[in-house]
């Protein structure tokens, strides 16, 4: 019986090993270092100001993140994430 249990456990443990990624590639779910594909740095002067002062092109994909709001985990480098506080002031801008 002991041998049968071991033959079941070994394949399960082998499945827990991390999957290797290609050299230079970012693993899924990670943010590549650097980059400003969404143009967040262009709006850095708006941090601390009211949300109404932020103007971006209509074709710009943007996501407004309210205090304590949960967000999805998919990373879109061209999406502008706008974080605001309870008073509606911009607390952060980042791509993703």
PDB file of N, CA and C in Angstrom:
ATOM      1  N   UNK A   1       0.825  -1.198   0.000  1.00  0.00           N
ATOM      2  CA  UNK A   1       0.000   0.000   0.000  1.00  0.00           C
ATOM      3  C   UNK A   1       0.864   1.256   0.000  1.00  0.00           C
ATOM      4  N   UNK A   2       1.956   1.222   0.770  1.00  0.00           N
ATOM      5  CA  UNK A   2       2.833   2.386   0.876  1.00  0.00           C
ATOM      6  C   UNK A   2       3.426   2.748  -0.491  1.00  0.00           C
ATOM      7  N   UNK A   3       3.787   1.767  -1.290  1.00  0.00           N
ATOM      8  CA  UNK A   3       4.367   2.013  -2.611  1.00  0.00           C
ATOM      9  C   UNK A   3       3.331   2.653  -3.531  1.00  0.00           C
ATOM     10  N   UNK A   4       2.089   2.235  -3.430  1.00  0.00           N
ATOM     11  CA  UNK A   4       1.036   2.801  -4.270  1.00  0.00           C
ATOM     12  C   UNK A   4       0.820   4.283  -3.967  1.00  0.00           C
ATOM     13  N   UNK A   5       0.880   4.645  -2.727  1.00  0.00           N
ATOM     14  CA  UNK A   5       0.709   6.047  -2.335  1.00  0.00           C
ATOM     15  C   UNK A   5       1.858   6.887  -2.882  1.00  0.00           C
ATOM     16  N   UNK A   6       3.077   6.366  -2.788  1.00  0.00           N
ATOM     17  CA  UNK A   6       4.236   7.092  -3.299  1.00  0.00           C
ATOM     18  C   UNK A   6       4.163   7.279  -4.808  1.00  0.00           C
ATOM     19  N   UNK A   7       3.663   6.279  -5.513  1.00  0.00           N
ATOM     20  CA  UNK A   7       3.568   6.411  -6.972  1.00  0.00           C
ATOM     21  C   UNK A   7       2.543   7.472  -7.365  1.00  0.00           C
ATOM     22  N   UNK A   8       1.614   7.783  -6.499  1.00  0.00           N
ATOM     23  CA  UNK A   8       0.646   8.848  -6.770  1.00  0.00           C
ATOM     24  C   UNK A   8       1.192  10.219  -6.377  1.00  0.00           C
ATOM     25  N   UNK A   9       1.969  10.275  -5.313  1.00  0.00           N
ATOM     26  CA  UNK A   9       2.470  11.554  -4.805  1.00  0.00           C
ATOM     27  C   UNK A   9       3.578  12.125  -5.682  1.00  0.00           C
ATOM     28  N   UNK A  10       4.473  11.284  -6.171  1.00  0.00           N
ATOM     29  CA  UNK A  10       5.624  11.765  -6.953  1.00  0.00           C
ATOM     30  C   UNK A  10       5.184  12.553  -8.193  1.00  0.00           C
ATOM     31  N   UNK A  11       4.253  12.065  -9.019  1.00  0.00           N
ATOM     32  CA  UNK A  11       3.834  12.868 -10.181  1.00  0.00           C
ATOM     33  C   UNK A  11       3.167  14.190  -9.777  1.00  0.00           C
ATOM     34  N   UNK A  12       2.457  14.187  -8.667  1.00  0.00           N
ATOM     35  CA  UNK A  12       1.819  15.422  -8.206  1.00  0.00           C
ATOM     36  C   UNK A  12       2.857  16.457  -7.795  1.00  0.00           C
ATOM     37  N   UNK A  13       3.907  16.019  -7.123  1.00  0.00           N
ATOM     38  CA  UNK A  13       4.965  16.942  -6.724  1.00  0.00           C
ATOM     39  C   UNK A  13       5.729  17.467  -7.935  1.00  0.00           C
ATOM     40  N   UNK A  14       5.916  16.631  -8.933  1.00  0.00           N
ATOM     41  CA  UNK A  14       6.615  17.065 -10.146  1.00  0.00           C
ATOM     42  C   UNK A  14       5.820  18.147 -10.869  1.00  0.00           C
ATOM     43  N   UNK A  15       4.516  18.097 -10.783  1.00  0.00           N
ATOM     44  CA  UNK A  15       3.669  19.101 -11.432  1.00  0.00           C
ATOM     45  C   UNK A  15       3.762  20.458 -10.750  1.00  0.00           C
ATOM     46  N   UNK A  16       4.291  20.506  -9.542  1.00  0.00           N
ATOM     47  CA  UNK A  16       4.403  21.762  -8.804  1.00  0.00           C
ATOM     48  C   UNK A  16       5.638  22.572  -9.171  1.00  0.00           C
ATOM     49  N   UNK A  17       6.523  22.023  -9.992  1.00  0.00           N
ATOM     50  CA  UNK A  17       7.737  22.748 -10.367  1.00  0.00           C
ATOM     51  C   UNK A  17       7.387  23.923 -11.269  1.00  0.00           C
ATOM     52  N   UNK A  18       8.122  25.039 -11.143  1.00  0.00           N
ATOM     53  CA  UNK A  18       7.843  26.196 -11.992  1.00  0.00           C
ATOM     54  C   UNK A  18       8.181  25.908 -13.451  1.00  0.00           C
ATOM     55  N   UNK A  19       7.455  26.566 -14.328  1.00  0.00           N
ATOM     56  CA  UNK A  19       7.679  26.418 -15.760  1.00  0.00           C
ATOM     57  C   UNK A  19       8.767  27.393 -16.176  1.00  0.00           C
ATOM     58  N   UNK A  20       9.727  26.925 -16.926  1.00  0.00           N
ATOM     59  CA  UNK A  20      10.820  27.787 -17.383  1.00  0.00           C
ATOM     60  C   UNK A  20      10.320  28.739 -18.463  1.00  0.00           C
ATOM     61  N   UNK A  21      10.819  29.976 -18.439  1.00  0.00           N
ATOM     62  CA  UNK A  21      10.475  30.946 -19.475  1.00  0.00           C
ATOM     63  C   UNK A  21      11.678  31.141 -20.380  1.00  0.00           C
ATOM     64  N   UNK A  22      11.421  31.603 -21.563  1.00  0.00           N
ATOM     65  CA  UNK A  22      12.500  31.849 -22.522  1.00  0.00           C
ATOM     66  C   UNK A  22      13.407  32.955 -21.999  1.00  0.00           C
ATOM     67  N   UNK A  23      14.690  32.897 -22.310  1.00  0.00           N
ATOM     68  CA  UNK A  23      15.605  33.952 -21.862  1.00  0.00           C
ATOM     69  C   UNK A  23      15.144  35.324 -22.360  1.00  0.00           C
ATOM     70  N   UNK A  24      15.107  36.288 -21.461  1.00  0.00           N
ATOM     71  CA  UNK A  24      14.696  37.642 -21.812  1.00  0.00           C
ATOM     72  C   UNK A  24      13.199  37.871 -21.765  1.00  0.00           C
ATOM     73  N   UNK A  25      12.413  36.816 -21.583  1.00  0.00           N
ATOM     74  CA  UNK A  25      10.959  36.965 -21.534  1.00  0.00           C
ATOM     75  C   UNK A  25      10.514  37.189 -20.102  1.00  0.00           C
ATOM     76  N   UNK A  26       9.413  37.919 -19.945  1.00  0.00           N
ATOM     77  CA  UNK A  26       8.844  38.143 -18.619  1.00  0.00           C
ATOM     78  C   UNK A  26       7.836  37.053 -18.330  1.00  0.00           C
ATOM     79  N   UNK A  27       7.849  36.469 -17.139  1.00  0.00           N
ATOM     80  CA  UNK A  27       6.832  35.482 -16.790  1.00  0.00           C
ATOM     81  C   UNK A  27       5.447  36.117 -16.821  1.00  0.00           C
ATOM     82  N   UNK A  28       4.433  35.309 -17.097  1.00  0.00           N
ATOM     83  CA  UNK A  28       3.064  35.821 -17.148  1.00  0.00           C
ATOM     84  C   UNK A  28       2.683  36.458 -15.823  1.00  0.00           C
ATOM     85  N   UNK A  29       1.972  37.565 -15.884  1.00  0.00           N
ATOM     86  CA  UNK A  29       1.506  38.233 -14.680  1.00  0.00           C
ATOM     87  C   UNK A  29       2.504  39.198 -14.076  1.00  0.00           C
ATOM     88  N   UNK A  30       3.659  39.385 -14.711  1.00  0.00           N
ATOM     89  CA  UNK A  30       4.618  40.342 -14.182  1.00  0.00           C
ATOM     90  C   UNK A  30       4.668  41.568 -15.078  1.00  0.00           C
ATOM     91  N   UNK A  31       5.091  42.647 -14.513  1.00  0.00           N
ATOM     92  CA  UNK A  31       5.185  43.897 -15.250  1.00  0.00           C
ATOM     93  C   UNK A  31       6.623  44.067 -15.714  1.00  0.00           C
ATOM     94  N   UNK A  32       6.840  44.235 -17.020  1.00  0.00           N
ATOM     95  CA  UNK A  32       8.202  44.463 -17.480  1.00  0.00           C
ATOM     96  C   UNK A  32       8.769  45.738 -16.872  1.00  0.00           C
ATOM     97  N   UNK A  33      10.047  45.712 -16.551  1.00  0.00           N
ATOM     98  CA  UNK A  33      10.682  46.887 -15.951  1.00  0.00           C
ATOM     99  C   UNK A  33      10.713  48.028 -16.952  1.00  0.00           C
ATOM    100  N   UNK A  34      10.456  49.228 -16.453  1.00  0.00           N
ATOM    101  CA  UNK A  34      10.491  50.409 -17.311  1.00  0.00           C
ATOM    102  C   UNK A  34       9.287  50.459 -18.231  1.00  0.00           C
ATOM    103  N   UNK A  35       9.359  51.328 -19.195  1.00  0.00           N
ATOM    104  CA  UNK A  35       8.283  51.437 -20.166  1.00  0.00           C
ATOM    105  C   UNK A  35       7.181  52.366 -19.694  1.00  0.00           C
ATOM    106  N   UNK A  36       6.659  53.097 -20.641  1.00  0.00           N
ATOM    107  CA  UNK A  36       5.568  54.029 -20.360  1.00  0.00           C
ATOM    108  C   UNK A  36       4.621  54.015 -21.550  1.00  0.00           C
ATOM    109  N   UNK A  37       4.184  52.812 -21.930  1.00  0.00           N
ATOM    110  CA  UNK A  37       3.360  52.641 -23.118  1.00  0.00           C
ATOM    111  C   UNK A  37       2.028  53.372 -23.029  1.00  0.00           C
ATOM    112  N   UNK A  38       1.542  53.624 -21.816  1.00  0.00           N
ATOM    113  CA  UNK A  38       0.258  54.307 -21.659  1.00  0.00           C
ATOM    114  C   UNK A  38       0.414  55.817 -21.565  1.00  0.00           C
ATOM    115  N   UNK A  39       1.635  56.300 -21.430  1.00  0.00           N
ATOM    116  CA  UNK A  39       1.875  57.739 -21.344  1.00  0.00           C
ATOM    117  C   UNK A  39       1.615  58.335 -19.976  1.00  0.00           C
ATOM    118  N   UNK A  40       1.654  57.530 -18.922  1.00  0.00           N
ATOM    119  CA  UNK A  40       1.367  58.016 -17.568  1.00  0.00           C
ATOM    120  C   UNK A  40       2.294  59.144 -17.147  1.00  0.00           C
ATOM    121  N   UNK A  41       3.536  59.095 -17.573  1.00  0.00           N
ATOM    122  CA  UNK A  41       4.491  60.132 -17.156  1.00  0.00           C
ATOM    123  C   UNK A  41       4.098  61.516 -17.663  1.00  0.00           C
ATOM    124  N   UNK A  42       3.355  61.583 -18.750  1.00  0.00           N
ATOM    125  CA  UNK A  42       2.922  62.873 -19.295  1.00  0.00           C
ATOM    126  C   UNK A  42       1.900  63.562 -18.389  1.00  0.00           C
ATOM    127  N   UNK A  43       1.259  62.796 -17.515  1.00  0.00           N
ATOM    128  CA  UNK A  43       0.226  63.343 -16.631  1.00  0.00           C
ATOM    129  C   UNK A  43       0.699  63.455 -15.185  1.00  0.00           C
ATOM    130  N   UNK A  44       1.976  63.244 -14.933  1.00  0.00           N
ATOM    131  CA  UNK A  44       2.505  63.234 -13.566  1.00  0.00           C
ATOM    132  C   UNK A  44       2.199  64.519 -12.809  1.00  0.00           C
ATOM    133  N   UNK A  45       2.108  65.637 -13.507  1.00  0.00           N
ATOM    134  CA  UNK A  45       1.824  66.908 -12.839  1.00  0.00           C
ATOM    135  C   UNK A  45       0.392  66.994 -12.325  1.00  0.00           C
ATOM    136  N   UNK A  46      -0.461  66.060 -12.710  1.00  0.00           N
ATOM    137  CA  UNK A  46      -1.868  66.052 -12.272  1.00  0.00           C
ATOM    138  C   UNK A  46      -2.055  65.331 -10.938  1.00  0.00           C
ATOM    139  N   UNK A  47      -1.039  64.603 -10.478  1.00  0.00           N
ATOM    140  CA  UNK A  47      -1.151  63.885  -9.203  1.00  0.00           C
ATOM    141  C   UNK A  47      -1.336  64.894  -8.078  1.00  0.00           C
ATOM    142  N   UNK A  48      -2.338  64.666  -7.261  1.00  0.00           N
ATOM    143  CA  UNK A  48      -2.680  65.573  -6.168  1.00  0.00           C
ATOM    144  C   UNK A  48      -3.814  66.510  -6.529  1.00  0.00           C
ATOM    145  N   UNK A  49      -4.101  66.607  -7.808  1.00  0.00           N
ATOM    146  CA  UNK A  49      -5.182  67.484  -8.269  1.00  0.00           C
ATOM    147  C   UNK A  49      -6.487  66.723  -8.424  1.00  0.00           C
ATOM    148  N   UNK A  50      -7.570  67.436  -8.716  1.00  0.00           N
ATOM    149  CA  UNK A  50      -8.867  66.780  -8.889  1.00  0.00           C
ATOM    150  C   UNK A  50      -8.921  65.945 -10.169  1.00  0.00           C
ATOM    151  N   UNK A  51      -9.681  64.884 -10.133  1.00  0.00           N
ATOM    152  CA  UNK A  51      -9.833  63.994 -11.277  1.00  0.00           C
ATOM    153  C   UNK A  51     -10.325  64.765 -12.498  1.00  0.00           C
ATOM    154  N   UNK A  52     -11.158  65.756 -12.297  1.00  0.00           N
ATOM    155  CA  UNK A  52     -11.714  66.541 -13.398  1.00  0.00           C
ATOM    156  C   UNK A  52     -10.673  67.298 -14.198  1.00  0.00           C
ATOM    157  N   UNK A  53      -9.485  67.502 -13.638  1.00  0.00           N
ATOM    158  CA  UNK A  53      -8.420  68.218 -14.346  1.00  0.00           C
ATOM    159  C   UNK A  53      -7.654  67.324 -15.318  1.00  0.00           C
ATOM    160  N   UNK A  54      -7.836  66.024 -15.219  1.00  0.00           N
ATOM    161  CA  UNK A  54      -7.090  65.095 -16.067  1.00  0.00           C
ATOM    162  C   UNK A  54      -7.793  64.953 -17.410  1.00  0.00           C
ATOM    163  N   UNK A  55      -7.098  65.316 -18.467  1.00  0.00           N
ATOM    164  CA  UNK A  55      -7.628  65.196 -19.825  1.00  0.00           C
ATOM    165  C   UNK A  55      -6.697  64.281 -20.614  1.00  0.00           C
ATOM    166  N   UNK A  56      -7.278  63.262 -21.222  1.00  0.00           N
ATOM    167  CA  UNK A  56      -6.513  62.345 -22.056  1.00  0.00           C
ATOM    168  C   UNK A  56      -7.326  62.063 -23.313  1.00  0.00           C
ATOM    169  N   UNK A  57      -6.691  61.621 -24.399  1.00  0.00           N
ATOM    170  CA  UNK A  57      -7.396  61.397 -25.662  1.00  0.00           C
ATOM    171  C   UNK A  57      -8.509  60.363 -25.515  1.00  0.00           C
ATOM    172  N   UNK A  58      -9.605  60.517 -26.261  1.00  0.00           N
ATOM    173  CA  UNK A  58     -10.726  59.572 -26.149  1.00  0.00           C
ATOM    174  C   UNK A  58     -10.346  58.134 -26.503  1.00  0.00           C
ATOM    175  N   UNK A  59      -9.333  57.962 -27.335  1.00  0.00           N
ATOM    176  CA  UNK A  59      -8.928  56.600 -27.707  1.00  0.00           C
ATOM    177  C   UNK A  59      -8.046  55.939 -26.645  1.00  0.00           C
ATOM    178  N   UNK A  60      -7.631  56.702 -25.642  1.00  0.00           N
ATOM    179  CA  UNK A  60      -6.798  56.172 -24.552  1.00  0.00           C
ATOM    180  C   UNK A  60      -7.639  55.268 -23.655  1.00  0.00           C
ATOM    181  N   UNK A  61      -7.233  54.011 -23.526  1.00  0.00           N
ATOM    182  CA  UNK A  61      -7.918  53.117 -22.593  1.00  0.00           C
ATOM    183  C   UNK A  61      -7.486  53.499 -21.187  1.00  0.00           C
ATOM    184  N   UNK A  62      -8.460  53.735 -20.315  1.00  0.00           N
ATOM    185  CA  UNK A  62      -8.156  54.162 -18.948  1.00  0.00           C
ATOM    186  C   UNK A  62      -9.051  53.413 -17.970  1.00  0.00           C
ATOM    187  N   UNK A  63      -8.552  53.257 -16.751  1.00  0.00           N
ATOM    188  CA  UNK A  63      -9.320  52.601 -15.686  1.00  0.00           C
ATOM    189  C   UNK A  63      -9.226  53.462 -14.442  1.00  0.00           C
ATOM    190  N   UNK A  64     -10.370  53.843 -13.906  1.00  0.00           N
ATOM    191  CA  UNK A  64     -10.444  54.634 -12.683  1.00  0.00           C
ATOM    192  C   UNK A  64     -10.511  53.675 -11.499  1.00  0.00           C
ATOM    193  N   UNK A  65      -9.594  53.848 -10.554  1.00  0.00           N
ATOM    194  CA  UNK A  65      -9.528  52.962  -9.390  1.00  0.00           C
ATOM    195  C   UNK A  65      -9.840  53.781  -8.143  1.00  0.00           C
ATOM    196  N   UNK A  66     -10.987  53.501  -7.548  1.00  0.00           N
ATOM    197  CA  UNK A  66     -11.425  54.185  -6.330  1.00  0.00           C
ATOM    198  C   UNK A  66     -10.755  53.573  -5.107  1.00  0.00           C
ATOM    199  N   UNK A  67     -10.750  54.274  -3.967  1.00  0.00           N
ATOM    200  CA  UNK A  67     -10.122  53.745  -2.749  1.00  0.00           C
ATOM    201  C   UNK A  67     -10.718  52.389  -2.351  1.00  0.00           C
ATOM    202  N   UNK A  68      -9.861  51.421  -2.105  1.00  0.00           N
ATOM    203  CA  UNK A  68     -10.300  50.102  -1.663  1.00  0.00           C
ATOM    204  C   UNK A  68     -10.921  49.243  -2.745  1.00  0.00           C
ATOM    205  N   UNK A  69     -10.963  49.731  -3.966  1.00  0.00           N
ATOM    206  CA  UNK A  69     -11.588  48.983  -5.053  1.00  0.00           C
ATOM    207  C   UNK A  69     -10.666  47.873  -5.546  1.00  0.00           C
ATOM    208  N   UNK A  70     -11.233  46.694  -5.744  1.00  0.00           N
ATOM    209  CA  UNK A  70     -10.465  45.574  -6.279  1.00  0.00           C
ATOM    210  C   UNK A  70     -10.360  45.738  -7.791  1.00  0.00           C
ATOM    211  N   UNK A  71      -9.235  45.320  -8.347  1.00  0.00           N
ATOM    212  CA  UNK A  71      -9.046  45.381  -9.792  1.00  0.00           C
ATOM    213  C   UNK A  71      -8.642  44.012 -10.311  1.00  0.00           C
ATOM    214  N   UNK A  72      -8.820  43.830 -11.601  1.00  0.00           N
ATOM    215  CA  UNK A  72      -8.412  42.575 -12.218  1.00  0.00           C
ATOM    216  C   UNK A  72      -6.893  42.542 -12.336  1.00  0.00           C
ATOM    217  N   UNK A  73      -6.332  41.369 -12.535  1.00  0.00           N
ATOM    218  CA  UNK A  73      -4.885  41.211 -12.538  1.00  0.00           C
ATOM    219  C   UNK A  73      -4.251  41.243 -13.920  1.00  0.00           C
ATOM    220  N   UNK A  74      -5.061  41.295 -14.985  1.00  0.00           N
ATOM    221  CA  UNK A  74      -4.424  41.289 -16.300  1.00  0.00           C
ATOM    222  C   UNK A  74      -3.673  42.595 -16.519  1.00  0.00           C
ATOM    223  N   UNK A  75      -2.528  42.487 -17.137  1.00  0.00           N
ATOM    224  CA  UNK A  75      -1.674  43.654 -17.370  1.00  0.00           C
ATOM    225  C   UNK A  75      -1.814  44.097 -18.815  1.00  0.00           C
ATOM    226  N   UNK A  76      -2.243  45.322 -19.014  1.00  0.00           N
ATOM    227  CA  UNK A  76      -2.346  45.917 -20.346  1.00  0.00           C
ATOM    228  C   UNK A  76      -1.414  47.119 -20.360  1.00  0.00           C
ATOM    229  N   UNK A  77      -0.273  47.023 -21.017  1.00  0.00           N
ATOM    230  CA  UNK A  77       0.715  48.097 -20.954  1.00  0.00           C
ATOM    231  C   UNK A  77       0.221  49.437 -21.472  1.00  0.00           C
ATOM    232  N   UNK A  78      -0.772  49.435 -22.346  1.00  0.00           N
ATOM    233  CA  UNK A  78      -1.255  50.699 -22.911  1.00  0.00           C
ATOM    234  C   UNK A  78      -2.420  51.303 -22.131  1.00  0.00           C
ATOM    235  N   UNK A  79      -2.891  50.621 -21.096  1.00  0.00           N
ATOM    236  CA  UNK A  79      -4.008  51.148 -20.299  1.00  0.00           C
ATOM    237  C   UNK A  79      -3.478  52.060 -19.196  1.00  0.00           C
ATOM    238  N   UNK A  80      -4.106  53.214 -19.051  1.00  0.00           N
ATOM    239  CA  UNK A  80      -3.758  54.170 -18.002  1.00  0.00           C
ATOM    240  C   UNK A  80      -4.620  53.881 -16.779  1.00  0.00           C
ATOM    241  N   UNK A  81      -3.984  53.560 -15.658  1.00  0.00           N
ATOM    242  CA  UNK A  81      -4.694  53.352 -14.393  1.00  0.00           C
ATOM    243  C   UNK A  81      -4.639  54.647 -13.603  1.00  0.00           C
ATOM    244  N   UNK A  82      -5.810  55.149 -13.232  1.00  0.00           N
ATOM    245  CA  UNK A  82      -5.921  56.404 -12.493  1.00  0.00           C
ATOM    246  C   UNK A  82      -6.444  56.077 -11.103  1.00  0.00           C
ATOM    247  N   UNK A  83      -5.617  56.272 -10.091  1.00  0.00           N
ATOM    248  CA  UNK A  83      -6.013  56.004  -8.712  1.00  0.00           C
ATOM    249  C   UNK A  83      -6.436  57.314  -8.063  1.00  0.00           C
ATOM    250  N   UNK A  84      -7.610  57.291  -7.412  1.00  0.00           N
ATOM    251  CA  UNK A  84      -8.102  58.500  -6.748  1.00  0.00           C
ATOM    252  C   UNK A  84      -8.411  58.212  -5.287  1.00  0.00           C
ATOM    253  N   UNK A  85      -8.483  59.287  -4.486  1.00  0.00           N
ATOM    254  CA  UNK A  85      -8.852  59.134  -3.081  1.00  0.00           C
ATOM    255  C   UNK A  85     -10.342  59.423  -2.916  1.00  0.00           C
ATOM    256  N   UNK A  86     -10.826  59.393  -1.679  1.00  0.00           N
ATOM    257  CA  UNK A  86     -12.250  59.593  -1.400  1.00  0.00           C
ATOM    258  C   UNK A  86     -12.734  60.983  -1.806  1.00  0.00           C
ATOM    259  N   UNK A  87     -11.828  61.952  -1.858  1.00  0.00           N
ATOM    260  CA  UNK A  87     -12.196  63.317  -2.236  1.00  0.00           C
ATOM    261  C   UNK A  87     -12.154  63.525  -3.750  1.00  0.00           C
ATOM    262  N   UNK A  88     -11.783  62.497  -4.508  1.00  0.00           N
ATOM    263  CA  UNK A  88     -11.723  62.613  -5.958  1.00  0.00           C
ATOM    264  C   UNK A  88     -10.416  63.180  -6.478  1.00  0.00           C
ATOM    265  N   UNK A  89      -9.392  63.200  -5.629  1.00  0.00           N
ATOM    266  CA  UNK A  89      -8.075  63.697  -6.055  1.00  0.00           C
ATOM    267  C   UNK A  89      -7.221  62.530  -6.549  1.00  0.00           C
ATOM    268  N   UNK A  90      -6.432  62.788  -7.558  1.00  0.00           N
ATOM    269  CA  UNK A  90      -5.576  61.759  -8.152  1.00  0.00           C
ATOM    270  C   UNK A  90      -4.418  61.453  -7.206  1.00  0.00           C
ATOM    271  N   UNK A  91      -4.288  60.179  -6.848  1.00  0.00           N
ATOM    272  CA  UNK A  91      -3.203  59.763  -5.952  1.00  0.00           C
ATOM    273  C   UNK A  91      -2.126  58.977  -6.680  1.00  0.00           C
ATOM    274  N   UNK A  92      -2.422  58.510  -7.875  1.00  0.00           N
ATOM    275  CA  UNK A  92      -1.428  57.758  -8.625  1.00  0.00           C
ATOM    276  C   UNK A  92      -1.845  57.530 -10.059  1.00  0.00           C
ATOM    277  N   UNK A  93      -0.854  57.458 -10.932  1.00  0.00           N
ATOM    278  CA  UNK A  93      -1.058  57.166 -12.349  1.00  0.00           C
ATOM    279  C   UNK A  93      -0.016  56.135 -12.750  1.00  0.00           C
ATOM    280  N   UNK A  94      -0.458  55.074 -13.407  1.00  0.00           N
ATOM    281  CA  UNK A  94       0.483  54.043 -13.836  1.00  0.00           C
ATOM    282  C   UNK A  94      -0.093  53.287 -15.020  1.00  0.00           C
ATOM    283  N   UNK A  95       0.763  52.624 -15.728  1.00  0.00           N
ATOM    284  CA  UNK A  95       0.328  51.788 -16.844  1.00  0.00           C
ATOM    285  C   UNK A  95      -0.075  50.416 -16.316  1.00  0.00           C
ATOM    286  N   UNK A  96      -0.961  49.784 -16.997  1.00  0.00           N
ATOM    287  CA  UNK A  96      -1.353  48.437 -16.612  1.00  0.00           C
ATOM    288  C   UNK A  96      -2.780  48.210 -16.833  1.00  0.00           C
TER     289      UNK A  96
END
